[in-house]
Amino acid sequence: MSAEPADLLEEARAWIAQDPDPETRNELDTLVIAAESGSAVALDDLHSRFDARLAFGTAGLRGEIAAGPNRMNRVLVAQAAAGLAAYLQAHANGDTPSVVIGYDGRKNSAIFAHDTAELMAGAGVRAILLPRLLPTPVLAFAVRHLGTSAGVMVTASHNPPNDNGYKVYLGGDDHGSQIVPPADADIAARILTVASSSIVGLPRSDAYEVAPESVIDAYVDATAAIARTPSASVSYVYTAMHGVGWETASRVLGKAGFASPVVVPQQIEPDPRFPTVAFPNPEEPGALDLSFATAREAGVALVIANDPDADRLAVAIPDTSAPERYRRLSGNEVGALLGWRAAELAEADATPDGGPNGTLACSIVSSPALKTVAAAYGLDFEDTLTGFKWVSRATGLIFGFEEALGYLVDPEVVRDKDGISAAVAFLDLASSLAAEGLTVADQLDRFSERFGHFASDQISLRVTDLADIDRIMARLRSTPPAVIGGVDVSSIDDLKDGFGGLPPSDVLRIWLADGSRVMVRPSGTEPKLKVYIDASSDQGTAAERRAAAEARVGELAEGMRGLLA
């Protein structure tokens, strides 16, 4: 419910009084003065900032940097840090709780991280700050390596430049995975308790620790060890997408024995403005244009891209039919190839008196291809809700992935997606193929010939009013489709109350009569409705299988666009 103008202005003044950041304090002061002078635009802006607050959930916090409770800023971060500290103290069982804190190169990341360290230390929590800006996977690694109760990573990953976020991991029985219910609700309740008073009275201390370089060294050593003795070198381009991946990735790749890449110089150093891309996400159209130009000039076999916090990996291969002469592989294609690699390694490592063991896992919106691989090798398979907070918790996990360019290739080291370790695994695969005189494109054909061809597509419907998403989901539930793209719907799984062992989630899983599948869900981090479409074919040659599966996906995508129009 919207506050009355007088109450809204009073709330804004109270926020200004506790805000330690002169930039956001002045920004809000300007809005208050304008609103007092009768500006309807300023009043609407204040309502946008104060009528709601950024919700703390299993993705932590993420939003635009600006003043007010519905934005990311030092007040909100202080409330989150104090609330998390209260949670850790309440679950410490008499011991001193601990937290390790990392941050990337985004605007205010270092400030938010130092605020968190001071507030944690002031609350009696042992706080350890990573020594400089580093990738998210290093923080996820440090939670387990240092044996801390929790971890905090200040990052907005691949969001727009003026966003930032606050991601929380738990140690102990959670083994360094991201938070899931009921921990998220418990932490959120404690944050709200803190937010009921001014942050000015929160105790702060500079008695926090700075983690030694040995933590980063240990991550480099463990991640480089993923490579199984590269037997042939492949040429490749690397981009950090203006993020923090390069320093750590270059050390890992060198230690693993790979040749040095050709880098994209305009994007190799951290830059919070992300000046060369419209959107710093390697999935977005145009994001890899500079990488493709660099690759064409160098004539390399691969393009390897990390997103700004290096927890995602994008891969592109030469393709003469593509306008850029290179084609980015989908997350499902990379996940299928890395899953096949994991299955073969499990088989190679199996004892003589037993077959391979372990679990392959992926989110429910990712390709069914991984399930087929698991069945072929006698491995367990588990599908999970969207997010690595769920994928990382699969029992006996040896490999997990999510179609949004996230891969977990070494669960004993990092229980989260890791774009650097995934790059090592993929380069190792490409090297072993090169030793046989084969390419990644050849391996994709071999996959289709052995397991069938799995095609996927995705529709993202961005909205300005989040209520539109609720309306569309309600319409699909009340009037479910009987036919999509000319194919009969055979059944629909509604996960809103949980389904088949999966926790409740706002997801519809639509099964088609030919075995194809359509998934519909709201995005967890952006104002989007997302639709995932999967179809497969195991008839004919690899090329014929690909054509049949892709044609069916195209028909289903056209049908879903009609339903959403």
Protein backbone atom coordinates (compact mmCIF):
# COMPACT_ATOMS: atom_id res chain seq x y z
CA MET A 1 0.00 0.00 0.00
CA SER A 2 1.31 3.46 -0.93
CA ALA A 3 2.18 5.79 1.93
CA GLU A 4 0.56 9.21 2.23
CA PRO A 5 2.84 12.00 0.92
CA ALA A 6 3.56 13.38 4.41
CA ASP A 7 4.44 9.92 5.75
CA LEU A 8 6.52 9.18 2.68
CA LEU A 9 8.55 12.36 3.09
CA GLU A 10 9.08 11.63 6.77
CA GLU A 11 10.31 8.14 5.92
CA ALA A 12 12.68 9.54 3.32
CA ARG A 13 14.11 12.07 5.80
CA ALA A 14 14.67 9.29 8.33
CA TRP A 15 16.54 7.35 5.66
CA ILE A 16 18.73 10.36 4.87
CA ALA A 17 19.58 10.75 8.56
CA GLN A 18 21.05 7.23 8.75
CA ASP A 19 22.66 7.00 5.29
CA PRO A 20 26.50 7.05 5.48
CA ASP A 21 26.86 7.47 1.70
CA PRO A 22 26.97 11.14 0.58
CA GLU A 23 26.02 10.22 -3.00
CA THR A 24 22.75 8.46 -2.16
CA ARG A 25 22.06 10.89 0.70
CA ASN A 26 22.28 13.89 -1.66
CA GLU A 27 20.29 12.06 -4.31
CA LEU A 28 17.44 11.44 -1.88
CA ASP A 29 17.64 14.93 -0.43
CA THR A 30 17.15 16.36 -3.93
CA LEU A 31 14.08 14.19 -4.43
CA VAL A 32 12.57 15.22 -1.10
CA ILE A 33 13.04 18.92 -1.87
CA ALA A 34 11.44 18.46 -5.30
CA ALA A 35 8.52 16.52 -3.87
CA GLU A 36 7.96 19.19 -1.22
CA SER A 37 7.83 21.72 -4.05
CA GLY A 38 5.00 19.79 -5.69
CA SER A 39 6.86 17.66 -8.24
CA ALA A 40 4.68 14.66 -9.13
CA VAL A 41 7.67 12.99 -10.81
CA ALA A 42 9.75 13.22 -7.63
CA LEU A 43 6.85 11.93 -5.55
CA ASP A 44 6.41 8.94 -7.89
CA ASP A 45 10.14 8.24 -7.65
CA LEU A 46 9.95 8.27 -3.84
CA HIS A 47 7.00 5.86 -3.93
CA SER A 48 9.04 3.53 -6.16
CA ARG A 49 11.87 3.57 -3.61
CA PHE A 50 9.86 3.38 -0.37
CA ASP A 51 6.57 1.57 -1.02
CA ALA A 52 8.46 -1.76 -1.10
CA ARG A 53 11.90 -3.08 -0.22
CA LEU A 54 14.25 -5.42 -2.01
CA ALA A 55 13.24 -8.87 -0.82
CA PHE A 56 15.93 -11.06 0.70
CA GLY A 57 15.48 -14.59 -0.62
CA THR A 58 17.42 -17.58 -1.86
CA ALA A 59 19.19 -15.31 -4.34
CA GLY A 60 20.05 -12.88 -1.53
CA LEU A 61 19.63 -9.28 -2.64
CA ARG A 62 20.02 -7.75 -6.07
CA GLY A 63 18.95 -4.41 -7.49
CA GLU A 64 19.84 -0.96 -8.76
CA ILE A 65 22.26 1.15 -6.71
CA ALA A 66 20.29 4.12 -5.39
CA ALA A 67 18.76 5.45 -2.16
CA GLY A 68 15.80 3.83 -0.43
CA PRO A 69 14.79 0.36 0.80
CA ASN A 70 13.82 -0.82 -2.70
CA ARG A 71 17.34 -0.19 -4.02
CA MET A 72 20.86 -1.43 -3.25
CA ASN A 73 22.78 0.96 -0.97
CA ARG A 74 24.86 1.10 2.20
CA VAL A 75 21.83 1.31 4.49
CA LEU A 76 20.24 -1.81 2.98
CA VAL A 77 23.57 -3.66 3.06
CA ALA A 78 24.10 -2.70 6.72
CA GLN A 79 20.65 -4.04 7.57
CA ALA A 80 21.41 -7.26 5.67
CA ALA A 81 24.79 -7.70 7.35
CA ALA A 82 23.38 -7.14 10.84
CA GLY A 83 20.45 -9.46 10.14
CA LEU A 84 22.76 -12.19 8.86
CA ALA A 85 25.03 -11.70 11.87
CA ALA A 86 22.02 -12.20 14.18
CA TYR A 87 21.13 -15.38 12.29
CA LEU A 88 24.67 -16.74 12.61
CA GLN A 89 24.79 -15.96 16.33
CA ALA A 90 21.44 -17.68 16.86
CA HIS A 91 22.70 -20.85 15.13
CA ALA A 92 26.22 -20.88 16.57
CA ASN A 93 25.55 -23.51 19.28
CA GLY A 94 27.83 -21.71 21.69
CA ASP A 95 30.72 -21.31 19.25
CA THR A 96 31.92 -18.09 17.66
CA PRO A 97 30.36 -17.92 14.18
CA SER A 98 32.47 -16.89 11.22
CA VAL A 99 31.97 -15.41 7.76
CA VAL A 100 34.20 -14.87 4.74
CA ILE A 101 33.35 -11.93 2.49
CA GLY A 102 34.23 -11.41 -1.16
CA TYR A 103 33.53 -8.70 -3.71
CA ASP A 104 33.85 -8.08 -7.44
CA GLY A 105 34.66 -4.96 -9.46
CA ARG A 106 31.20 -3.40 -9.61
CA LYS A 107 30.35 0.01 -8.29
CA ASN A 108 30.31 -0.01 -4.45
CA SER A 109 31.25 -3.70 -4.21
CA ALA A 110 34.33 -2.99 -2.10
CA ILE A 111 32.39 -0.51 0.07
CA PHE A 112 29.56 -2.96 0.69
CA ALA A 113 32.07 -5.70 1.53
CA HIS A 114 34.01 -3.55 4.00
CA ASP A 115 30.77 -2.39 5.63
CA THR A 116 29.79 -6.04 6.03
CA ALA A 117 33.15 -6.96 7.56
CA GLU A 118 32.96 -4.09 10.09
CA LEU A 119 29.37 -4.86 11.07
CA MET A 120 30.01 -8.59 11.38
CA ALA A 121 33.04 -7.96 13.57
CA GLY A 122 31.04 -5.46 15.62
CA ALA A 123 28.35 -8.13 16.16
CA GLY A 124 30.89 -10.61 17.51
CA VAL A 125 31.21 -12.67 14.32
CA ARG A 126 34.69 -13.63 13.13
CA ALA A 127 34.86 -11.77 9.83
CA ILE A 128 37.40 -12.58 7.10
CA LEU A 129 37.61 -10.29 4.06
CA LEU A 130 39.13 -11.58 0.83
CA PRO A 131 42.23 -9.50 0.02
CA ARG A 132 40.98 -7.82 -3.18
CA LEU A 133 38.28 -8.04 -5.82
CA LEU A 134 37.97 -11.68 -6.91
CA PRO A 135 35.57 -13.99 -8.77
CA THR A 136 32.50 -15.40 -7.04
CA PRO A 137 33.85 -19.00 -7.27
CA VAL A 138 36.84 -18.02 -5.11
CA LEU A 139 34.45 -16.86 -2.38
CA ALA A 140 32.40 -20.05 -2.68
CA PHE A 141 35.66 -22.03 -2.41
CA ALA A 142 36.81 -20.01 0.61
CA VAL A 143 33.69 -20.90 2.63
CA ARG A 144 34.71 -24.57 2.56
CA HIS A 145 38.47 -24.02 2.56
CA LEU A 146 38.37 -21.80 5.66
CA GLY A 147 35.56 -23.75 7.31
CA THR A 148 33.46 -20.66 7.96
CA SER A 149 29.84 -20.62 9.08
CA ALA A 150 28.86 -18.51 6.09
CA GLY A 151 30.04 -16.55 3.09
CA VAL A 152 28.90 -13.30 1.51
CA MET A 153 29.67 -12.33 -2.08
CA VAL A 154 28.97 -8.76 -3.16
CA THR A 155 28.13 -9.03 -6.86
CA ALA A 156 25.30 -8.58 -9.33
CA SER A 157 26.91 -11.11 -11.68
CA HIS A 158 25.81 -10.22 -15.23
CA ASN A 159 23.16 -7.61 -14.37
CA PRO A 160 23.24 -4.04 -15.82
CA PRO A 161 26.12 -1.75 -14.76
CA ASN A 162 24.30 0.16 -12.02
CA ASP A 163 23.11 -2.97 -10.21
CA ASN A 164 24.73 -4.74 -7.31
CA GLY A 165 23.82 -7.67 -5.10
CA TYR A 166 24.47 -9.63 -1.94
CA LYS A 167 24.73 -13.43 -2.21
CA VAL A 168 24.87 -15.63 0.91
CA TYR A 169 26.40 -19.09 1.35
CA LEU A 170 26.30 -21.36 4.40
CA GLY A 171 29.04 -23.66 5.66
CA GLY A 172 28.74 -26.62 8.02
CA ASP A 173 26.06 -29.08 6.94
CA ASP A 174 25.33 -26.89 3.90
CA HIS A 175 28.89 -27.50 2.62
CA GLY A 176 29.27 -24.02 1.13
CA SER A 177 26.08 -24.00 -0.96
CA GLN A 178 23.87 -20.95 -1.35
CA ILE A 179 21.03 -20.54 1.13
CA VAL A 180 17.68 -22.30 0.66
CA PRO A 181 14.48 -22.31 2.73
CA PRO A 182 13.98 -22.04 5.63
CA ALA A 183 17.29 -20.21 6.19
CA ASP A 184 16.37 -17.43 3.73
CA ALA A 185 13.13 -16.62 5.55
CA ASP A 186 14.86 -16.70 8.94
CA ILE A 187 17.57 -14.31 7.75
CA ALA A 188 14.99 -12.06 6.07
CA ALA A 189 12.98 -11.80 9.30
CA ARG A 190 16.09 -10.76 11.24
CA ILE A 191 16.93 -8.16 8.57
CA LEU A 192 13.46 -6.66 8.95
CA THR A 193 13.98 -6.47 12.71
CA VAL A 194 17.20 -4.52 12.16
CA ALA A 195 15.45 -2.29 9.61
CA SER A 196 12.88 -1.20 12.19
CA SER A 197 15.59 1.02 13.75
CA SER A 198 18.34 3.27 12.44
CA ILE A 199 21.62 1.64 11.40
CA VAL A 200 23.48 4.47 13.15
CA GLY A 201 23.42 2.53 16.42
CA LEU A 202 24.78 -0.72 14.96
CA PRO A 203 28.17 -1.60 16.44
CA ARG A 204 31.10 -1.60 14.02
CA SER A 205 34.65 -2.83 14.45
CA ASP A 206 37.77 -2.82 12.30
CA ALA A 207 38.91 -6.02 14.02
CA TYR A 208 38.20 -8.14 10.96
CA GLU A 209 40.80 -10.32 9.25
CA VAL A 210 42.06 -10.16 5.71
CA ALA A 211 42.41 -13.60 4.14
CA PRO A 212 45.94 -14.59 3.13
CA GLU A 213 46.99 -15.09 -0.50
CA SER A 214 47.22 -18.80 0.27
CA VAL A 215 43.42 -19.01 -0.09
CA ILE A 216 43.63 -17.90 -3.72
CA ASP A 217 46.65 -20.15 -4.26
CA ALA A 218 44.66 -23.13 -2.97
CA TYR A 219 41.79 -22.35 -5.33
CA VAL A 220 44.20 -22.08 -8.27
CA ASP A 221 45.85 -25.41 -7.43
CA ALA A 222 42.57 -27.28 -6.93
CA THR A 223 40.98 -25.88 -10.09
CA ALA A 224 44.00 -26.49 -12.30
CA ALA A 225 43.98 -30.13 -11.16
CA ILE A 226 40.67 -30.66 -13.02
CA ALA A 227 42.65 -30.94 -16.26
CA ARG A 228 43.63 -34.51 -17.04
CA THR A 229 47.05 -33.78 -18.65
CA PRO A 230 46.13 -31.81 -21.78
CA SER A 231 47.50 -33.87 -24.65
CA ALA A 232 47.17 -31.29 -27.41
CA SER A 233 46.96 -27.55 -27.23
CA VAL A 234 43.99 -25.71 -28.71
CA SER A 235 44.05 -22.05 -29.64
CA TYR A 236 41.43 -19.86 -28.02
CA VAL A 237 40.29 -16.34 -27.26
CA TYR A 238 39.42 -15.33 -23.71
CA THR A 239 37.29 -12.44 -22.49
CA ALA A 240 36.50 -11.39 -18.93
CA MET A 241 33.57 -9.19 -20.08
CA HIS A 242 35.01 -6.24 -18.08
CA GLY A 243 34.83 -8.41 -14.95
CA VAL A 244 37.20 -9.91 -12.43
CA GLY A 245 37.89 -13.30 -14.01
CA TRP A 246 41.16 -12.78 -15.85
CA GLU A 247 43.69 -12.53 -13.02
CA THR A 248 42.53 -15.79 -11.44
CA ALA A 249 41.66 -17.58 -14.70
CA SER A 250 45.07 -16.82 -16.24
CA ARG A 251 46.83 -18.39 -13.25
CA VAL A 252 44.59 -21.45 -13.34
CA LEU A 253 44.89 -22.00 -17.09
CA GLY A 254 48.65 -21.61 -16.99
CA LYS A 255 49.05 -24.03 -14.09
CA ALA A 256 46.78 -26.54 -15.86
CA GLY A 257 49.18 -26.56 -18.80
CA PHE A 258 47.10 -24.81 -21.42
CA ALA A 259 48.57 -22.36 -23.90
CA SER A 260 48.00 -18.71 -23.15
CA PRO A 261 44.87 -17.37 -24.85
CA VAL A 262 44.49 -14.45 -27.17
CA VAL A 263 42.68 -11.98 -24.93
CA VAL A 264 40.08 -9.38 -25.86
CA PRO A 265 42.10 -6.36 -24.67
CA GLN A 266 39.14 -3.97 -24.45
CA GLN A 267 37.37 -6.29 -21.97
CA ILE A 268 40.16 -7.94 -20.00
CA GLU A 269 40.42 -5.55 -17.02
CA PRO A 270 37.63 -4.86 -14.49
CA ASP A 271 35.53 -1.84 -15.43
CA PRO A 272 32.22 -1.24 -13.60
CA ARG A 273 30.92 0.79 -16.56
CA PHE A 274 31.03 -2.24 -18.92
CA PRO A 275 31.65 0.22 -21.78
CA THR A 276 31.85 -2.17 -24.76
CA VAL A 277 28.64 -4.14 -24.16
CA ALA A 278 25.01 -3.09 -23.93
CA PHE A 279 24.44 -5.78 -21.32
CA PRO A 280 27.36 -7.64 -19.63
CA ASN A 281 25.89 -11.10 -20.12
CA PRO A 282 27.47 -13.45 -22.68
CA GLU A 283 23.99 -14.81 -23.46
CA GLU A 284 22.81 -11.43 -24.75
CA PRO A 285 22.96 -10.62 -28.48
CA GLY A 286 26.09 -8.64 -29.30
CA ALA A 287 27.88 -9.33 -26.03
CA LEU A 288 30.49 -11.53 -27.75
CA ASP A 289 30.96 -9.39 -30.86
CA LEU A 290 34.44 -8.22 -29.81
CA SER A 291 35.38 -11.80 -28.93
CA PHE A 292 34.28 -12.98 -32.37
CA ALA A 293 36.24 -10.20 -34.08
CA THR A 294 39.34 -11.12 -32.08
CA ALA A 295 38.81 -14.81 -32.86
CA ARG A 296 38.47 -14.18 -36.60
CA GLU A 297 41.67 -12.17 -36.66
CA ALA A 298 43.57 -14.82 -34.68
CA GLY A 299 41.95 -17.82 -36.38
CA VAL A 300 41.40 -19.71 -33.12
CA ALA A 301 39.48 -22.91 -32.45
CA LEU A 302 37.47 -21.66 -29.47
CA VAL A 303 36.13 -18.59 -27.74
CA ILE A 304 36.02 -18.80 -23.93
CA ALA A 305 34.08 -16.09 -22.07
CA ASN A 306 33.41 -15.54 -18.39
CA ASP A 307 30.68 -13.23 -17.17
CA PRO A 308 31.73 -10.30 -14.92
CA ASP A 309 32.01 -12.32 -11.69
CA ALA A 310 33.29 -15.42 -13.55
CA ASP A 311 30.72 -17.86 -12.27
CA ARG A 312 29.38 -18.49 -15.79
CA LEU A 313 31.09 -19.78 -18.92
CA ALA A 314 30.23 -19.16 -22.56
CA VAL A 315 31.88 -21.12 -25.37
CA ALA A 316 31.85 -20.41 -29.09
CA ILE A 317 33.19 -22.51 -31.96
CA PRO A 318 33.96 -21.77 -35.63
CA ASP A 319 30.88 -21.93 -37.86
CA THR A 320 31.15 -20.77 -41.49
CA SER A 321 27.36 -20.52 -41.75
CA ALA A 322 27.13 -17.98 -38.91
CA PRO A 323 27.29 -14.25 -39.76
CA GLU A 324 30.13 -13.76 -37.24
CA ARG A 325 31.89 -16.96 -38.45
CA TYR A 326 31.63 -18.24 -34.87
CA ARG A 327 28.64 -19.67 -33.03
CA ARG A 328 28.05 -19.51 -29.29
CA LEU A 329 27.10 -22.91 -27.97
CA SER A 330 23.99 -22.98 -25.84
CA GLY A 331 24.29 -23.74 -22.15
CA ASN A 332 22.53 -27.01 -22.85
CA GLU A 333 25.11 -28.00 -25.48
CA VAL A 334 28.04 -27.22 -23.18
CA GLY A 335 26.28 -28.95 -20.28
CA ALA A 336 25.68 -32.07 -22.35
CA LEU A 337 29.32 -32.27 -23.48
CA LEU A 338 30.70 -31.66 -19.97
CA GLY A 339 28.21 -34.15 -18.54
CA TRP A 340 29.37 -36.76 -21.04
CA ARG A 341 32.97 -36.00 -20.06
CA ALA A 342 32.06 -36.43 -16.37
CA ALA A 343 30.37 -39.76 -17.10
CA GLU A 344 33.39 -41.05 -19.01
CA LEU A 345 35.72 -39.98 -16.21
CA ALA A 346 33.49 -41.72 -13.66
CA GLU A 347 33.64 -44.88 -15.77
CA ALA A 348 37.42 -44.63 -16.10
CA ASP A 349 37.79 -44.14 -12.33
CA ALA A 350 35.45 -47.00 -11.42
CA THR A 351 36.86 -49.92 -9.48
CA PRO A 352 37.22 -53.25 -11.30
CA ASP A 353 34.46 -54.85 -9.23
CA GLY A 354 31.91 -52.06 -9.73
CA GLY A 355 30.62 -49.69 -12.36
CA PRO A 356 30.74 -45.90 -12.32
CA ASN A 357 28.87 -44.22 -9.52
CA GLY A 358 27.69 -40.72 -8.77
CA THR A 359 24.94 -38.35 -9.79
CA LEU A 360 24.52 -36.06 -12.75
CA ALA A 361 22.12 -33.20 -12.00
CA CYS A 362 20.59 -30.23 -13.74
CA SER A 363 17.75 -27.81 -13.16
CA ILE A 364 14.30 -28.73 -14.43
CA VAL A 365 14.48 -26.06 -17.14
CA SER A 366 17.71 -27.50 -18.57
CA SER A 367 17.91 -30.04 -21.39
CA PRO A 368 16.83 -33.66 -20.79
CA ALA A 369 20.07 -34.67 -22.57
CA LEU A 370 21.93 -35.11 -19.28
CA LYS A 371 19.38 -37.64 -18.04
CA THR A 372 20.00 -39.70 -21.16
CA VAL A 373 23.77 -39.62 -20.55
CA ALA A 374 23.30 -40.72 -16.94
CA ALA A 375 21.15 -43.67 -18.01
CA ALA A 376 23.69 -44.77 -20.62
CA TYR A 377 26.47 -44.91 -18.01
CA GLY A 378 24.45 -46.33 -15.12
CA LEU A 379 24.75 -43.11 -13.13
CA ASP A 380 22.07 -41.57 -10.96
CA PHE A 381 20.27 -38.50 -12.24
CA GLU A 382 18.51 -35.73 -10.35
CA ASP A 383 16.61 -32.74 -11.65
CA THR A 384 16.23 -29.81 -9.30
CA LEU A 385 14.55 -26.47 -9.07
CA THR A 386 16.24 -23.60 -10.90
CA GLY A 387 19.41 -22.29 -9.26
CA PHE A 388 22.68 -23.77 -8.09
CA LYS A 389 21.50 -23.54 -4.52
CA TRP A 390 19.47 -26.63 -5.51
CA VAL A 391 21.76 -28.26 -8.11
CA SER A 392 24.69 -28.23 -5.66
CA ARG A 393 22.69 -30.23 -3.10
CA ALA A 394 22.09 -33.29 -5.30
CA THR A 395 23.15 -36.45 -3.45
CA GLY A 396 26.42 -37.95 -4.75
CA LEU A 397 26.89 -35.13 -7.25
CA ILE A 398 29.77 -35.44 -9.72
CA PHE A 399 28.55 -32.87 -12.25
CA GLY A 400 25.71 -30.38 -12.45
CA PHE A 401 24.65 -27.67 -14.83
CA GLU A 402 22.01 -25.12 -15.67
CA GLU A 403 21.15 -23.92 -19.15
CA ALA A 404 21.96 -20.31 -18.21
CA LEU A 405 25.70 -21.00 -18.75
CA GLY A 406 26.30 -22.38 -15.25
CA TYR A 407 28.38 -25.53 -14.61
CA LEU A 408 29.53 -27.28 -11.45
CA VAL A 409 32.38 -29.57 -12.42
CA ASP A 410 34.15 -30.22 -9.10
CA PRO A 411 31.65 -30.43 -6.21
CA GLU A 412 34.33 -31.35 -3.68
CA VAL A 413 36.01 -27.98 -4.25
CA VAL A 414 33.22 -25.50 -5.05
CA ARG A 415 29.50 -26.08 -4.41
CA ASP A 416 28.34 -23.47 -6.88
CA LYS A 417 28.60 -22.73 -10.56
CA ASP A 418 32.15 -21.87 -11.52
CA GLY A 419 33.04 -20.41 -14.90
CA ILE A 420 36.78 -20.86 -14.38
CA SER A 421 36.74 -24.55 -13.45
CA ALA A 422 34.24 -25.13 -16.27
CA ALA A 423 36.68 -23.45 -18.69
CA VAL A 424 39.41 -25.84 -17.53
CA ALA A 425 37.13 -28.85 -18.05
CA PHE A 426 36.04 -27.66 -21.50
CA LEU A 427 39.58 -26.86 -22.66
CA ASP A 428 40.65 -30.27 -21.37
CA LEU A 429 37.90 -31.86 -23.46
CA ALA A 430 38.85 -29.82 -26.54
CA SER A 431 42.51 -30.79 -26.05
CA SER A 432 41.71 -34.50 -25.86
CA LEU A 433 39.59 -34.17 -29.02
CA ALA A 434 42.40 -32.32 -30.81
CA ALA A 435 44.73 -35.20 -29.95
CA GLU A 436 42.34 -37.44 -31.92
CA GLY A 437 42.15 -34.98 -34.79
CA LEU A 438 38.61 -33.97 -33.81
CA THR A 439 36.87 -30.70 -33.03
CA VAL A 440 34.13 -29.69 -30.62
CA ALA A 441 31.73 -29.66 -33.60
CA ASP A 442 32.68 -33.28 -34.25
CA GLN A 443 31.95 -34.13 -30.60
CA LEU A 444 28.51 -32.55 -30.87
CA ASP A 445 27.78 -34.83 -33.84
CA ARG A 446 29.08 -37.83 -31.91
CA PHE A 447 26.77 -36.92 -29.04
CA SER A 448 23.78 -36.79 -31.39
CA GLU A 449 24.70 -40.14 -32.93
CA ARG A 450 25.02 -41.85 -29.54
CA PHE A 451 22.31 -40.22 -27.42
CA GLY A 452 20.01 -38.48 -29.93
CA HIS A 453 19.90 -34.82 -30.80
CA PHE A 454 18.44 -32.51 -28.16
CA ALA A 455 17.35 -29.08 -29.35
CA SER A 456 16.32 -26.20 -27.12
CA ASP A 457 15.00 -22.68 -27.39
CA GLN A 458 14.04 -19.99 -24.92
CA ILE A 459 11.60 -17.11 -24.91
CA SER A 460 12.13 -14.22 -22.49
CA LEU A 461 9.24 -11.82 -22.08
CA ARG A 462 10.49 -8.70 -20.29
CA VAL A 463 7.82 -6.65 -18.49
CA THR A 464 7.69 -3.25 -16.84
CA ASP A 465 4.88 -4.28 -14.49
CA LEU A 466 5.65 -7.44 -12.50
CA ALA A 467 1.90 -7.99 -12.09
CA ASP A 468 1.80 -8.87 -15.80
CA ILE A 469 3.77 -12.02 -15.05
CA ASP A 470 1.31 -13.05 -12.36
CA ARG A 471 -1.58 -12.45 -14.76
CA ILE A 472 -0.01 -14.59 -17.50
CA MET A 473 0.76 -17.46 -15.10
CA ALA A 474 -2.80 -17.27 -13.73
CA ARG A 475 -4.24 -17.37 -17.26
CA LEU A 476 -2.15 -20.41 -18.22
CA ARG A 477 -3.35 -22.17 -15.07
CA SER A 478 -7.03 -21.29 -15.46
CA THR A 479 -7.14 -21.91 -19.23
CA PRO A 480 -4.36 -24.41 -19.98
CA PRO A 481 -3.44 -24.92 -23.63
CA ALA A 482 -4.62 -28.13 -25.35
CA VAL A 483 -2.33 -27.75 -28.36
CA ILE A 484 1.03 -25.96 -28.82
CA GLY A 485 2.60 -25.57 -32.24
CA GLY A 486 0.26 -28.14 -33.71
CA VAL A 487 1.19 -30.79 -31.10
CA ASP A 488 -1.31 -32.03 -28.52
CA VAL A 489 -0.59 -31.33 -24.86
CA SER A 490 -0.57 -34.63 -22.99
CA SER A 491 -0.20 -33.37 -19.40
CA ILE A 492 0.80 -30.35 -17.31
CA ASP A 493 2.73 -30.46 -14.03
CA ASP A 494 2.00 -27.46 -11.80
CA LEU A 495 4.80 -27.04 -9.26
CA LYS A 496 3.17 -24.27 -7.22
CA ASP A 497 2.51 -26.72 -4.35
CA GLY A 498 5.52 -28.95 -5.07
CA PHE A 499 5.65 -31.93 -7.41
CA GLY A 500 7.39 -35.31 -7.39
CA GLY A 501 9.72 -34.43 -4.52
CA LEU A 502 10.45 -30.92 -5.83
CA PRO A 503 9.71 -28.04 -3.43
CA PRO A 504 6.92 -25.59 -4.31
CA SER A 505 7.83 -23.23 -7.15
CA ASP A 506 5.96 -20.99 -9.58
CA VAL A 507 6.61 -23.27 -12.56
CA LEU A 508 4.43 -24.98 -15.17
CA ARG A 509 5.89 -28.02 -16.95
CA ILE A 510 3.95 -28.86 -20.10
CA TRP A 511 4.42 -32.25 -21.74
CA LEU A 512 3.58 -32.72 -25.42
CA ALA A 513 2.29 -35.92 -27.04
CA ASP A 514 5.58 -36.42 -28.94
CA GLY A 515 7.70 -36.26 -25.76
CA SER A 516 8.66 -32.59 -26.20
CA ARG A 517 8.52 -30.28 -23.19
CA VAL A 518 7.72 -26.64 -22.47
CA MET A 519 8.55 -24.99 -19.13
CA VAL A 520 7.15 -21.61 -18.03
CA ARG A 521 8.36 -19.67 -14.99
CA PRO A 522 9.08 -16.13 -13.78
CA SER A 523 12.75 -15.18 -13.65
CA GLY A 524 14.22 -15.13 -10.16
CA THR A 525 16.51 -12.14 -10.78
CA GLU A 526 14.98 -10.06 -13.58
CA PRO A 527 11.50 -8.74 -14.54
CA LYS A 528 10.97 -11.49 -17.12
CA LEU A 529 8.71 -14.42 -17.83
CA LYS A 530 10.86 -17.23 -19.20
CA VAL A 531 9.79 -20.12 -21.44
CA TYR A 532 12.07 -23.11 -22.06
CA ILE A 533 11.39 -25.45 -24.99
CA ASP A 534 13.02 -28.85 -25.53
CA ALA A 535 12.61 -31.51 -28.21
CA SER A 536 14.73 -34.43 -29.37
CA SER A 537 15.14 -36.90 -32.22
CA ASP A 538 16.99 -40.22 -32.42
CA GLN A 539 16.10 -41.17 -35.99
CA GLY A 540 18.48 -40.92 -38.96
CA THR A 541 21.93 -39.40 -39.22
CA ALA A 542 23.24 -36.75 -36.85
CA ALA A 543 22.28 -34.07 -39.37
CA GLU A 544 18.79 -35.50 -39.81
CA ARG A 545 18.30 -35.76 -36.06
CA ARG A 546 19.40 -32.16 -35.63
CA ALA A 547 17.05 -30.93 -38.36
CA ALA A 548 14.04 -32.80 -36.95
CA ALA A 549 14.60 -31.69 -33.34
CA GLU A 550 15.24 -28.06 -34.28
CA ALA A 551 12.16 -27.97 -36.53
CA ARG A 552 9.97 -29.21 -33.70
CA VAL A 553 11.44 -26.66 -31.26
CA GLY A 554 10.75 -23.91 -33.78
CA GLU A 555 7.10 -24.96 -34.12
CA LEU A 556 6.66 -25.06 -30.34
CA ALA A 557 8.32 -21.66 -29.92
CA GLU A 558 5.97 -20.12 -32.48
CA GLY A 559 3.02 -21.67 -30.69
CA MET A 560 4.12 -20.34 -27.30
CA ARG A 561 4.62 -16.83 -28.67
CA GLY A 562 1.03 -16.97 -29.85
CA LEU A 563 -0.15 -18.05 -26.40
CA LEU A 564 1.76 -15.24 -24.69
CA ALA A 565 0.81 -12.50 -27.14
